[in-house]
Amino acid sequence: MNFFVNKAIGYSNSGVEHAQFYRAQCFREKKIPFKFIFTDLLPQLHKHMGLWSLPEREVIGLYDFFLSDNPDEYAHSGLKQTNDYTTDSLWDLTNTQRLIRHQTTGEYTETILRSKKYSETKKVYLVSDDRILLKNGLHEIMWHYRTSDARDKVATNIHVNNFRGKNYVFPTKEALIDFFFIEMQNIFQQNVYFLDRGTESEESLVKLKQLGLSLKIIDIVHAEHLVTYQNGHPLWNNYYQYMFNHLDTIDFVVTSTKLQAEAIIKQLSQLGRVVADKVLAIPVGGVNNLQQPKHWQGGQANFVTASRLHSEKNILQIIQAIKQICEDGLDATLAIYGSGNEESRIRELIDTLALQDRVQLKGLSQNVVHEFQKYDAFVSASYSEGFGLTYIEAIENSLPIATYANLYGAKELVIDGFNGYLASFDGNLLQESQNVIHLANAMKQIFTDKHYDYLSKGAYQQAQKYQSAYIADQWAKLIEVLE
């Protein structure tokens, strides 16, 4: 069985989850069996599965599995029935919330017991989650939290009662995950684990493989893997440090761009490690319905962007760029798709710059690629993109792109002057205003000197390299090699 290993999905997801959804589409087309694995506690998992069109048979939730009346049947087929999510709480006479009870969308209930303690440091009473009880009939999982300087809450002393008729105690969540993957090994055969997110899962699977269990490990690199060099030695991104330390145990490393694959091979060769045979590039998104090139008749230039509304996406800089290009004489608008914790700051800046008639927040869309058809050009202000699925969605609609020249997505998917323009940038906060100027110039250039139609044709041609059928073939070839 092929497993896509992650921690969670939700209402709004990152590029990691969307990359998984796209890979699932490729596997379905090739009739390659697979299942998603989610290891976090997700009370609304089955609601979000429905939102993203994931059938029950394709998903294994760690807690659903351990609380199932029939774990083997659940692992193969999923839940037969789900529930509506409900919540209730209990407050004491001091108006302190002491208990929260959820009916999850799965078969189990979640009860959270909360503690109230006085903080000498902050000189206030603090209320926090203390104990958790998950229950499905006679099946139970319970633990308590301890505080940690490194992490806010750490689950410890985890009791799993009446799993296959036996009771278990695990000191940590990591130990529970070890047990979970041993169960997967017992239930399924010829297992391949595609590690998308979760260092604890990666550590568990590497350990099990080193102990002699028969399994394959594919590490998926979704972000910049290198932070910097120190005294000539590479300092890896924390999320990929474990992978680089255990490359002998990892079967393949898959990046989404050729540029990143080449960078990893080169950087490791400088350390005397030859890994060219196990590092390869397979795009994490592709084109399903390529639209014909567009013609811009002049007048208003309608830009669109889509992402999580988080600080690292630099949406505020795009809004500032819109202000600048309008002041420079281009009649421009901006539509922003997505949701996130930056929304209030974005709205505030729109009001401050008096751009209410030009910049609109469109909310979260389940079909961004369709929404893009209404616009003339795509813009991104991210300083780093491992791939950038929205770039693919833009070129699928033959939209020219203005973006910072980030690694690795922009530099691979956008050819400067052919299907868009790359704006230089400096990650130093003091250079932000200069970055905005560069981005605004790239945006304006799309609509000047009669370049638009040429760039749209370039986007169309670039999109042809990323047809979904071709990418599905690449995944199928990898599976053949692993068999």
Protein backbone atom coordinates (compact mmCIF):
# COMPACT_ATOMS: atom_id res chain seq x y z
CA MET A 1 0.00 0.00 0.00
CA ASN A 2 1.11 3.55 -0.72
CA PHE A 3 0.62 5.96 2.19
CA PHE A 4 0.64 9.77 2.02
CA VAL A 5 1.72 10.69 5.57
CA ASN A 6 0.68 14.04 7.03
CA LYS A 7 -0.43 15.52 10.32
CA ALA A 8 -3.72 17.21 9.43
CA ILE A 9 -6.12 18.73 6.93
CA GLY A 10 -8.63 21.47 7.60
CA TYR A 11 -10.93 24.04 6.08
CA SER A 12 -7.99 26.02 4.72
CA ASN A 13 -4.84 24.11 3.75
CA SER A 14 -1.28 24.85 2.73
CA GLY A 15 0.50 23.82 -0.43
CA VAL A 16 1.55 20.59 1.27
CA GLU A 17 -2.03 19.34 1.49
CA HIS A 18 -2.89 20.53 -2.02
CA ALA A 19 0.17 18.70 -3.31
CA GLN A 20 -1.17 15.55 -1.65
CA PHE A 21 -4.60 16.07 -3.20
CA TYR A 22 -3.00 16.42 -6.63
CA ARG A 23 -0.84 13.31 -6.15
CA ALA A 24 -3.97 11.41 -5.15
CA GLN A 25 -5.57 12.49 -8.43
CA CYS A 26 -2.56 11.11 -10.34
CA PHE A 27 -2.67 7.82 -8.45
CA ARG A 28 -6.41 7.45 -9.10
CA GLU A 29 -5.86 8.00 -12.82
CA LYS A 30 -3.21 5.28 -12.86
CA LYS A 31 -5.27 3.00 -10.58
CA ILE A 32 -2.42 2.89 -8.05
CA PRO A 33 -3.73 2.12 -4.53
CA PHE A 34 -3.05 4.70 -1.83
CA LYS A 35 -4.29 6.05 1.49
CA PHE A 36 -3.86 9.30 3.37
CA ILE A 37 -2.61 9.03 6.96
CA PHE A 38 -3.32 11.87 9.40
CA THR A 39 -1.67 11.63 12.83
CA ASP A 40 -3.06 14.71 14.61
CA LEU A 41 -6.18 14.75 16.75
CA LEU A 42 -8.77 16.09 14.30
CA PRO A 43 -12.28 16.33 15.76
CA GLN A 44 -13.68 17.57 12.43
CA LEU A 45 -11.60 15.33 10.16
CA HIS A 46 -14.52 13.73 8.31
CA LYS A 47 -16.20 17.08 7.66
CA HIS A 48 -13.01 18.37 6.08
CA MET A 49 -12.55 15.15 4.13
CA GLY A 50 -15.94 15.82 2.56
CA LEU A 51 -14.98 19.41 1.86
CA TRP A 52 -11.93 18.24 -0.10
CA SER A 53 -13.69 15.23 -1.70
CA LEU A 54 -11.68 12.53 0.07
CA PRO A 55 -13.70 9.30 0.35
CA GLU A 56 -13.60 7.30 3.58
CA ARG A 57 -11.78 4.39 1.98
CA GLU A 58 -8.81 6.63 1.15
CA VAL A 59 -8.12 7.97 4.67
CA ILE A 60 -6.78 6.55 7.92
CA GLY A 61 -6.96 8.81 10.96
CA LEU A 62 -4.71 7.63 13.79
CA TYR A 63 -7.32 8.19 16.51
CA ASP A 64 -10.17 6.77 14.44
CA PHE A 65 -8.05 3.65 13.98
CA PHE A 66 -7.25 3.06 17.65
CA LEU A 67 -10.87 3.73 18.71
CA SER A 68 -12.49 1.54 16.06
CA ASP A 69 -14.60 -1.52 16.90
CA ASN A 70 -12.86 -3.25 13.99
CA PRO A 71 -9.44 -1.65 13.28
CA ASP A 72 -8.65 -3.84 10.26
CA GLU A 73 -11.96 -3.09 8.58
CA TYR A 74 -11.57 0.63 9.28
CA ALA A 75 -8.03 0.63 7.88
CA HIS A 76 -9.26 -0.92 4.63
CA SER A 77 -12.65 0.75 4.20
CA GLY A 78 -12.93 3.78 6.50
CA LEU A 79 -15.95 4.67 8.59
CA LYS A 80 -19.39 3.45 7.56
CA GLN A 81 -21.08 6.34 9.32
CA THR A 82 -19.94 9.79 10.43
CA ASN A 83 -21.44 12.32 12.84
CA ASP A 84 -22.21 16.00 12.97
CA TYR A 85 -19.75 17.99 15.03
CA THR A 86 -21.24 19.36 18.25
CA THR A 87 -19.70 20.94 21.34
CA ASP A 88 -20.75 21.67 24.91
CA SER A 89 -18.92 23.04 27.93
CA LEU A 90 -19.14 23.31 31.71
CA TRP A 91 -18.31 26.47 33.68
CA ASP A 92 -17.75 26.75 37.44
CA LEU A 93 -19.02 29.45 39.82
CA THR A 94 -15.96 31.61 39.11
CA ASN A 95 -16.92 31.69 35.41
CA THR A 96 -14.00 29.42 34.55
CA GLN A 97 -14.42 26.90 31.77
CA ARG A 98 -13.63 23.52 33.33
CA LEU A 99 -14.80 20.95 30.78
CA ILE A 100 -15.37 20.84 27.02
CA ARG A 101 -17.09 17.95 25.29
CA HIS A 102 -17.12 17.39 21.54
CA GLN A 103 -18.98 14.88 19.47
CA THR A 104 -16.39 14.52 16.74
CA THR A 105 -17.28 13.84 13.13
CA GLY A 106 -15.93 10.32 13.68
CA GLU A 107 -17.35 7.69 16.04
CA TYR A 108 -15.74 8.97 19.23
CA THR A 109 -16.34 11.80 21.67
CA GLU A 110 -13.62 14.09 23.00
CA THR A 111 -13.69 15.38 26.57
CA ILE A 112 -11.21 18.08 27.61
CA LEU A 113 -10.63 18.72 31.32
CA ARG A 114 -9.12 22.15 31.99
CA SER A 115 -6.97 23.33 34.89
CA LYS A 116 -6.73 26.74 36.54
CA LYS A 117 -3.36 27.72 37.94
CA TYR A 118 -1.88 30.95 39.21
CA SER A 119 1.15 32.21 37.29
CA GLU A 120 3.69 33.92 39.53
CA THR A 121 5.40 35.30 36.45
CA LYS A 122 2.32 36.87 34.86
CA LYS A 123 0.46 37.45 38.15
CA VAL A 124 -2.79 36.07 36.73
CA TYR A 125 -4.73 32.81 36.76
CA LEU A 126 -4.21 30.79 33.58
CA VAL A 127 -6.68 28.20 32.28
CA SER A 128 -5.34 25.48 30.01
CA ASP A 129 -6.14 21.98 28.74
CA ASP A 130 -4.98 19.39 31.27
CA ARG A 131 -6.45 15.96 30.43
CA ILE A 132 -8.03 14.51 27.31
CA LEU A 133 -10.40 11.56 27.07
CA LEU A 134 -11.45 10.07 23.73
CA LYS A 135 -14.18 7.46 23.93
CA ASN A 136 -16.07 5.18 21.55
CA GLY A 137 -18.12 2.74 23.60
CA LEU A 138 -15.61 0.54 25.45
CA HIS A 139 -12.65 1.92 23.50
CA GLU A 140 -10.72 4.76 25.14
CA ILE A 141 -7.63 6.89 24.67
CA MET A 142 -6.60 9.27 27.44
CA TRP A 143 -3.58 11.39 28.30
CA HIS A 144 -2.53 14.49 30.14
CA TYR A 145 -0.42 17.43 29.04
CA ARG A 146 2.82 18.64 30.48
CA THR A 147 4.29 22.01 29.64
CA SER A 148 7.58 22.31 27.82
CA ASP A 149 9.92 25.21 27.10
CA ALA A 150 10.20 24.02 23.50
CA ARG A 151 6.51 23.30 22.90
CA ASP A 152 3.34 24.65 24.43
CA LYS A 153 1.73 21.30 25.29
CA VAL A 154 3.19 17.81 25.21
CA ALA A 155 0.95 14.74 25.50
CA THR A 156 2.32 12.19 27.94
CA ASN A 157 1.27 8.99 29.70
CA ILE A 158 -1.06 7.98 26.86
CA HIS A 159 -3.45 5.12 27.71
CA VAL A 160 -5.06 3.17 24.87
CA ASN A 161 -7.72 0.91 26.36
CA ASN A 162 -9.43 -2.05 24.70
CA PHE A 163 -7.55 -1.91 21.42
CA ARG A 164 -7.99 -5.40 20.00
CA GLY A 165 -9.05 -6.39 23.53
CA LYS A 166 -5.84 -5.20 25.20
CA ASN A 167 -4.75 -2.11 27.14
CA TYR A 168 -1.56 -0.18 26.32
CA VAL A 169 0.39 2.70 27.86
CA PHE A 170 2.72 4.92 25.82
CA PRO A 171 5.00 7.51 27.44
CA THR A 172 4.84 9.88 24.45
CA LYS A 173 2.95 10.57 21.23
CA GLU A 174 6.06 9.43 19.36
CA ALA A 175 5.78 5.98 20.98
CA LEU A 176 2.11 5.81 19.98
CA ILE A 177 3.06 6.64 16.39
CA ASP A 178 5.65 3.84 16.44
CA PHE A 179 2.91 1.40 17.44
CA PHE A 180 0.57 2.78 14.79
CA PHE A 181 3.04 2.17 11.96
CA ILE A 182 3.76 -1.34 13.23
CA GLU A 183 0.01 -1.94 12.93
CA MET A 184 0.04 -0.60 9.35
CA GLN A 185 2.86 -3.01 8.56
CA ASN A 186 0.82 -5.91 9.91
CA ILE A 187 -2.36 -4.98 8.04
CA PHE A 188 -0.92 -3.99 4.63
CA GLN A 189 1.81 -5.42 2.43
CA GLN A 190 4.54 -3.87 0.25
CA ASN A 191 4.19 -0.54 1.99
CA VAL A 192 5.59 2.71 0.61
CA TYR A 193 5.39 5.80 2.82
CA PHE A 194 5.38 9.22 1.13
CA LEU A 195 6.39 11.59 3.94
CA ASP A 196 4.79 14.98 3.38
CA ARG A 197 4.73 16.37 6.91
CA GLY A 198 5.61 15.18 10.42
CA THR A 199 9.16 14.61 11.64
CA GLU A 200 7.87 12.22 14.31
CA SER A 201 6.45 9.95 11.59
CA GLU A 202 9.70 10.13 9.64
CA GLU A 203 11.77 9.22 12.70
CA SER A 204 9.43 6.33 13.48
CA LEU A 205 9.56 4.85 9.97
CA VAL A 206 13.33 5.21 9.66
CA LYS A 207 13.73 3.45 13.01
CA LEU A 208 11.39 0.62 12.00
CA LYS A 209 13.18 0.16 8.69
CA GLN A 210 16.54 0.03 10.46
CA LEU A 211 15.09 -2.64 12.75
CA GLY A 212 14.42 -4.80 9.71
CA LEU A 213 10.79 -4.12 8.79
CA SER A 214 10.13 -4.27 5.06
CA LEU A 215 9.04 -0.82 3.90
CA LYS A 216 10.01 1.98 1.51
CA ILE A 217 10.40 5.65 2.47
CA ILE A 218 9.93 8.55 0.04
CA ASP A 219 10.69 11.99 1.47
CA ILE A 220 8.76 14.79 -0.25
CA VAL A 221 10.51 18.18 -0.09
CA HIS A 222 7.90 20.95 -0.10
CA ALA A 223 10.02 23.96 0.88
CA GLU A 224 13.51 25.44 0.75
CA HIS A 225 15.82 22.80 2.21
CA LEU A 226 18.84 25.03 2.84
CA VAL A 227 18.97 27.89 5.35
CA THR A 228 22.54 29.11 4.83
CA TYR A 229 26.19 28.09 4.88
CA GLN A 230 28.31 28.33 8.01
CA ASN A 231 32.06 27.89 7.67
CA GLY A 232 31.47 26.20 4.34
CA HIS A 233 29.02 23.69 5.77
CA PRO A 234 25.32 23.74 4.82
CA LEU A 235 22.77 24.41 7.55
CA TRP A 236 19.62 22.55 6.55
CA ASN A 237 16.03 23.54 7.19
CA ASN A 238 15.03 21.90 10.50
CA TYR A 239 12.23 19.99 8.78
CA TYR A 240 14.73 18.26 6.49
CA GLN A 241 17.71 17.84 8.83
CA TYR A 242 16.63 14.33 9.84
CA MET A 243 16.20 13.35 6.20
CA PHE A 244 19.72 14.48 5.30
CA ASN A 245 21.12 12.66 8.33
CA HIS A 246 19.48 9.38 7.26
CA LEU A 247 19.72 9.41 3.47
CA ASP A 248 21.13 5.88 3.54
CA THR A 249 17.76 4.68 4.88
CA ILE A 250 15.59 6.91 2.66
CA ASP A 251 14.76 5.29 -0.69
CA PHE A 252 14.04 8.45 -2.68
CA VAL A 253 13.88 12.20 -2.15
CA VAL A 254 11.32 13.91 -4.39
CA THR A 255 11.38 17.64 -5.03
CA SER A 256 8.82 19.51 -7.10
CA THR A 257 11.33 21.33 -9.31
CA LYS A 258 14.42 20.27 -11.24
CA LEU A 259 16.25 23.31 -9.86
CA GLN A 260 15.87 22.11 -6.29
CA ALA A 261 16.80 18.52 -7.13
CA GLU A 262 19.95 19.75 -8.85
CA ALA A 263 20.76 21.99 -5.87
CA ILE A 264 20.45 19.11 -3.38
CA ILE A 265 22.63 16.84 -5.50
CA LYS A 266 25.29 19.54 -5.89
CA GLN A 267 25.31 20.55 -2.22
CA LEU A 268 25.60 16.96 -1.02
CA SER A 269 28.33 16.18 -3.57
CA GLN A 270 30.38 18.98 -2.02
CA LEU A 271 30.19 16.99 1.21
CA GLY A 272 31.37 13.86 -0.56
CA ARG A 273 27.92 12.27 -0.71
CA VAL A 274 26.76 10.93 -4.07
CA VAL A 275 22.94 10.84 -4.13
CA ALA A 276 22.06 11.57 -7.75
CA ASP A 277 20.39 8.16 -8.04
CA LYS A 278 17.86 8.85 -5.29
CA VAL A 279 16.95 12.54 -5.77
CA LEU A 280 14.39 13.30 -8.48
CA ALA A 281 11.88 15.98 -9.41
CA ILE A 282 8.15 15.41 -9.93
CA PRO A 283 5.89 18.49 -10.05
CA VAL A 284 3.34 18.59 -7.23
CA GLY A 285 0.71 20.13 -9.46
CA GLY A 286 -0.27 19.98 -13.08
CA VAL A 287 -2.57 21.26 -15.78
CA ASN A 288 -5.91 19.54 -16.32
CA ASN A 289 -7.82 21.92 -18.57
CA LEU A 290 -5.53 24.28 -20.44
CA GLN A 291 -7.23 27.51 -21.56
CA GLN A 292 -6.40 29.28 -24.80
CA PRO A 293 -4.15 32.37 -24.71
CA LYS A 294 -5.89 35.61 -23.79
CA HIS A 295 -6.06 38.96 -25.54
CA TRP A 296 -6.01 42.16 -23.50
CA GLN A 297 -7.94 44.95 -25.16
CA GLY A 298 -6.56 47.65 -22.94
CA GLY A 299 -8.30 49.57 -20.21
CA GLN A 300 -8.41 48.02 -16.76
CA ALA A 301 -5.76 45.47 -15.71
CA ASN A 302 -7.27 42.90 -13.37
CA PHE A 303 -4.76 41.11 -11.14
CA VAL A 304 -5.48 38.09 -8.98
CA THR A 305 -3.59 36.33 -6.19
CA ALA A 306 -4.45 33.30 -4.08
CA SER A 307 -2.79 31.90 -0.97
CA ARG A 308 -3.13 31.46 2.74
CA LEU A 309 -3.42 34.95 4.19
CA HIS A 310 -0.30 34.57 6.31
CA SER A 311 2.62 36.93 6.76
CA GLU A 312 5.08 34.89 4.69
CA LYS A 313 2.89 35.39 1.60
CA ASN A 314 3.44 39.18 1.78
CA ILE A 315 -0.05 40.10 0.56
CA LEU A 316 0.44 43.56 2.08
CA GLN A 317 3.24 44.18 -0.40
CA ILE A 318 0.98 43.32 -3.33
CA ILE A 319 -1.58 45.85 -2.10
CA GLN A 320 1.14 48.50 -1.83
CA ALA A 321 2.24 47.64 -5.37
CA ILE A 322 -1.34 48.10 -6.61
CA LYS A 323 -1.38 51.54 -5.02
CA GLN A 324 1.88 52.42 -6.74
CA ILE A 325 0.92 51.26 -10.23
CA CYS A 326 -2.41 53.08 -10.01
CA GLU A 327 -0.55 56.27 -9.07
CA ASP A 328 1.71 55.63 -12.06
CA GLY A 329 -1.31 55.67 -14.37
CA LEU A 330 -2.32 52.02 -14.83
CA ASP A 331 -5.99 51.37 -14.06
CA ALA A 332 -5.55 48.20 -11.96
CA THR A 333 -7.59 46.03 -9.60
CA LEU A 334 -6.67 43.13 -7.33
CA ALA A 335 -8.73 40.13 -6.21
CA ILE A 336 -7.37 38.18 -3.22
CA TYR A 337 -8.48 34.57 -2.68
CA GLY A 338 -7.73 32.77 0.57
CA SER A 339 -8.14 32.97 4.32
CA GLY A 340 -5.82 33.30 7.28
CA ASN A 341 -4.70 35.30 10.27
CA GLU A 342 -3.51 38.29 8.21
CA GLU A 343 -7.01 39.13 7.00
CA SER A 344 -7.61 41.96 9.48
CA ARG A 345 -4.27 43.60 8.64
CA ILE A 346 -5.05 43.30 4.94
CA ARG A 347 -8.44 44.96 5.38
CA GLU A 348 -6.85 47.70 7.46
CA LEU A 349 -4.26 48.46 4.77
CA ILE A 350 -6.93 48.52 2.05
CA ASP A 351 -8.80 51.14 4.08
CA THR A 352 -5.66 53.11 4.89
CA LEU A 353 -4.66 53.33 1.23
CA ALA A 354 -8.28 54.03 0.17
CA LEU A 355 -8.30 51.06 -2.20
CA GLN A 356 -11.76 49.74 -1.35
CA ASP A 357 -12.86 50.12 -4.98
CA ARG A 358 -9.76 48.40 -6.35
CA VAL A 359 -8.84 45.59 -3.94
CA GLN A 360 -11.33 42.91 -2.91
CA LEU A 361 -11.05 39.96 -0.55
CA LYS A 362 -12.82 37.02 -2.19
CA GLY A 363 -12.50 34.47 0.62
CA LEU A 364 -11.59 30.82 0.27
CA SER A 365 -12.42 29.07 -3.01
CA GLN A 366 -12.54 25.32 -3.61
CA ASN A 367 -11.95 25.89 -7.33
CA VAL A 368 -9.34 28.62 -7.69
CA VAL A 369 -8.30 27.52 -11.17
CA HIS A 370 -11.84 28.27 -12.39
CA GLU A 371 -11.92 31.63 -10.60
CA PHE A 372 -8.71 32.70 -12.34
CA GLN A 373 -10.47 32.73 -15.72
CA LYS A 374 -12.02 36.09 -14.81
CA TYR A 375 -8.69 37.92 -14.50
CA ASP A 376 -5.85 39.17 -16.68
CA ALA A 377 -2.69 38.41 -14.69
CA PHE A 378 -1.48 36.63 -11.57
CA VAL A 379 0.76 38.19 -8.92
CA SER A 380 2.71 36.65 -6.03
CA ALA A 381 4.90 38.29 -3.38
CA SER A 382 6.21 35.20 -1.60
CA TYR A 383 9.95 35.19 -0.93
CA SER A 384 10.09 31.38 -1.02
CA GLU A 385 8.03 28.77 -2.86
CA GLY A 386 9.06 25.14 -3.08
CA PHE A 387 6.81 24.95 -6.13
CA GLY A 388 3.82 27.27 -6.05
CA LEU A 389 0.64 25.52 -7.10
CA THR A 390 -1.00 28.85 -7.85
CA TYR A 391 1.62 29.46 -10.54
CA ILE A 392 0.37 26.29 -12.24
CA GLU A 393 -3.24 27.42 -11.83
CA ALA A 394 -2.29 30.73 -13.42
CA ILE A 395 -0.55 29.27 -16.47
CA GLU A 396 -3.40 26.76 -16.87
CA ASN A 397 -5.50 29.86 -17.58
CA SER A 398 -2.75 31.37 -19.78
CA LEU A 399 -2.28 34.21 -17.29
CA PRO A 400 1.00 36.14 -17.34
CA ILE A 401 2.69 36.18 -13.92
CA ALA A 402 4.42 38.92 -11.92
CA THR A 403 6.32 37.51 -8.95
CA TYR A 404 9.38 37.84 -6.83
CA ALA A 405 12.20 35.68 -8.20
CA ASN A 406 11.94 33.16 -5.40
CA LEU A 407 13.44 29.70 -5.08
CA TYR A 408 12.39 27.39 -6.42
CA GLY A 409 8.93 27.72 -7.86
CA ALA A 410 9.11 31.12 -9.53
CA LYS A 411 12.50 30.54 -11.12
CA GLU A 412 11.36 27.24 -12.62
CA LEU A 413 7.79 28.09 -13.64
CA VAL A 414 8.20 31.72 -14.73
CA ILE A 415 10.58 32.51 -17.57
CA ASP A 416 11.34 36.22 -17.38
CA GLY A 417 9.95 38.01 -20.42
CA PHE A 418 8.32 34.85 -21.79
CA ASN A 419 5.32 34.11 -19.55
CA GLY A 420 5.77 36.87 -16.99
CA TYR A 421 8.32 38.91 -15.11
CA LEU A 422 10.54 38.11 -12.14
CA ALA A 423 11.09 40.91 -9.64
CA SER A 424 14.30 41.00 -7.61
CA PHE A 425 13.95 41.20 -3.84
CA ASP A 426 15.94 41.32 -0.62
CA GLY A 427 14.67 39.43 2.42
CA ASN A 428 15.92 42.19 4.72
CA LEU A 429 12.95 43.98 6.28
CA LEU A 430 14.62 47.33 5.62
CA GLN A 431 14.47 46.64 1.87
CA GLU A 432 10.72 45.99 1.76
CA SER A 433 9.82 49.32 0.16
CA GLN A 434 12.39 48.72 -2.58
CA ASN A 435 10.99 45.22 -3.11
CA VAL A 436 7.52 46.69 -3.61
CA ILE A 437 8.90 49.02 -6.28
CA HIS A 438 10.42 46.06 -8.12
CA LEU A 439 7.18 44.07 -7.89
CA ALA A 440 5.11 47.01 -9.10
CA ASN A 441 7.42 47.44 -12.09
CA ALA A 442 7.02 43.76 -12.99
CA MET A 443 3.24 44.08 -12.75
CA LYS A 444 3.18 47.18 -14.96
CA GLN A 445 5.50 45.63 -17.52
CA ILE A 446 2.94 42.92 -18.29
CA PHE A 447 0.58 45.58 -19.63
CA THR A 448 3.05 47.83 -21.43
CA ASP A 449 4.69 47.80 -24.86
CA LYS A 450 2.01 45.43 -26.19
CA HIS A 451 3.62 42.55 -24.30
CA TYR A 452 0.44 41.09 -22.83
CA ASP A 453 -0.65 38.82 -25.69
CA TYR A 454 2.90 37.50 -26.13
CA LEU A 455 3.17 36.70 -22.41
CA SER A 456 -0.21 34.94 -22.40
CA LYS A 457 0.94 32.75 -25.30
CA GLY A 458 4.11 32.06 -23.33
CA ALA A 459 2.04 30.99 -20.33
CA TYR A 460 0.07 28.65 -22.59
CA GLN A 461 3.27 27.09 -23.92
CA GLN A 462 4.77 26.79 -20.43
CA ALA A 463 1.61 25.06 -19.20
CA GLN A 464 1.95 22.37 -21.86
CA LYS A 465 5.07 21.10 -20.06
CA TYR A 466 2.99 20.40 -16.95
CA GLN A 467 0.11 18.34 -18.33
CA SER A 468 -1.34 16.11 -15.60
CA ALA A 469 -1.12 12.97 -17.74
CA TYR A 470 2.66 13.39 -18.02
CA ILE A 471 3.06 13.93 -14.26
CA ALA A 472 0.89 10.88 -13.50
CA ASP A 473 3.25 8.85 -15.71
CA GLN A 474 6.20 10.04 -13.60
CA TRP A 475 4.56 8.85 -10.37
CA ALA A 476 3.72 5.52 -12.00
CA LYS A 477 7.35 5.05 -13.07
CA LEU A 478 8.54 5.71 -9.52
CA ILE A 479 6.14 3.09 -8.17
CA GLU A 480 7.43 0.59 -10.75
CA VAL A 481 11.01 1.18 -9.59
CA LEU A 482 9.98 0.57 -5.97
CA GLU A 483 8.23 -2.73 -6.67
